[in-house]
Amino acid sequence: MENKENHKFVFDKSNYRFLFIGLALNIIGFILMVGGAAESNDVFNAETLFSHTRITVAPILIVTGYIVIIYGIIKKNKSSQEEKLD
């Protein structure tokens, strides 16, 4: 008789989905925070430096991405919850 060991992974498909969604939100947030480059080093353009996208939207996306990643890490699998009931 073969002795089959039951190997189970800690993360499920949905955990990885949340991790990749959070990672995508973080990447988009950091890209938005970088913004556009200055056309000239001699001219200070406050509108592009302190734009609404850089100051509010990008940090919100980054924090939301980290929250989604943390949720993806601590989320329990359905199969592990069912095993505890058995």
Protein backbone atom coordinates (compact mmCIF):
# COMPACT_ATOMS: atom_id res chain seq x y z
CA MET A 1 0.00 0.00 0.00
CA GLU A 2 1.20 3.46 -0.81
CA ASN A 3 1.46 5.96 1.99
CA LYS A 4 0.05 9.15 0.54
CA GLU A 5 0.87 12.23 2.50
CA ASN A 6 -1.69 14.98 2.41
CA HIS A 7 0.20 18.17 1.58
CA LYS A 8 -1.83 21.34 1.89
CA PHE A 9 -0.71 24.83 1.05
CA VAL A 10 -1.24 27.71 3.43
CA PHE A 11 -2.48 30.02 0.67
CA ASP A 12 -5.43 29.28 -1.56
CA LYS A 13 -6.22 30.67 -5.00
CA SER A 14 -8.22 33.51 -3.48
CA ASN A 15 -5.30 34.47 -1.20
CA TYR A 16 -3.03 34.88 -4.20
CA ARG A 17 -5.72 36.86 -6.00
CA PHE A 18 -5.89 39.35 -3.12
CA LEU A 19 -2.09 39.55 -2.96
CA PHE A 20 -1.78 40.34 -6.67
CA ILE A 21 -4.64 42.88 -6.56
CA GLY A 22 -2.94 44.64 -3.64
CA LEU A 23 0.40 44.57 -5.44
CA ALA A 24 -1.20 46.08 -8.56
CA LEU A 25 -2.80 48.85 -6.47
CA ASN A 26 0.58 49.63 -4.91
CA ILE A 27 2.34 49.77 -8.27
CA ILE A 28 -0.34 52.04 -9.73
CA GLY A 29 -0.16 54.28 -6.67
CA PHE A 30 3.63 54.61 -6.87
CA ILE A 31 3.48 55.33 -10.60
CA LEU A 32 0.89 58.05 -10.00
CA MET A 33 3.01 59.50 -7.21
CA VAL A 34 6.02 59.82 -9.50
CA GLY A 35 4.01 61.89 -11.95
CA GLY A 36 5.45 63.87 -14.82
CA ALA A 37 8.90 65.34 -15.13
CA ALA A 38 9.70 69.04 -15.11
CA GLU A 39 10.35 70.54 -18.52
CA SER A 40 13.07 72.83 -17.23
CA ASN A 41 15.17 72.84 -14.06
CA ASP A 42 14.98 76.64 -13.88
CA VAL A 43 11.18 76.86 -13.62
CA PHE A 44 9.27 75.81 -10.52
CA ASN A 45 5.81 74.51 -11.39
CA ALA A 46 3.80 74.02 -8.20
CA GLU A 47 0.71 72.77 -10.04
CA THR A 48 2.39 69.59 -11.25
CA LEU A 49 4.35 69.05 -8.05
CA PHE A 50 1.36 69.47 -5.73
CA SER A 51 -1.29 68.03 -8.01
CA HIS A 52 -4.40 66.31 -6.68
CA THR A 53 -3.25 62.98 -8.06
CA ARG A 54 0.15 63.06 -6.32
CA ILE A 55 -1.10 64.37 -2.98
CA THR A 56 -4.36 62.44 -2.45
CA VAL A 57 -5.12 59.73 -5.01
CA ALA A 58 -1.72 58.00 -5.05
CA PRO A 59 -1.35 57.65 -1.24
CA ILE A 60 -4.93 56.38 -0.95
CA LEU A 61 -4.20 53.71 -3.57
CA ILE A 62 -0.97 52.71 -1.82
CA VAL A 63 -2.62 52.38 1.61
CA THR A 64 -5.55 50.49 0.07
CA GLY A 65 -3.08 48.15 -1.65
CA TYR A 66 -1.34 47.40 1.64
CA ILE A 67 -4.69 46.74 3.34
CA VAL A 68 -5.67 44.31 0.56
CA ILE A 69 -2.29 42.54 0.84
CA ILE A 70 -2.66 42.18 4.62
CA TYR A 71 -6.19 40.84 4.17
CA GLY A 72 -4.92 38.35 1.56
CA ILE A 73 -2.28 37.11 4.01
CA ILE A 74 -4.54 36.68 7.05
CA LYS A 75 -7.59 35.33 5.15
CA LYS A 76 -8.43 31.75 6.14
CA ASN A 77 -9.09 29.11 3.52
CA LYS A 78 -12.44 27.36 3.35
CA SER A 79 -10.77 23.97 3.39
CA SER A 80 -8.85 24.71 6.58
CA GLN A 81 -12.03 25.88 8.29
CA GLU A 82 -13.84 22.68 7.25
CA GLU A 83 -11.00 20.52 8.61
CA LYS A 84 -11.34 22.10 12.03
CA LEU A 85 -15.01 21.13 12.12
CA ASP A 86 -14.25 17.46 11.33
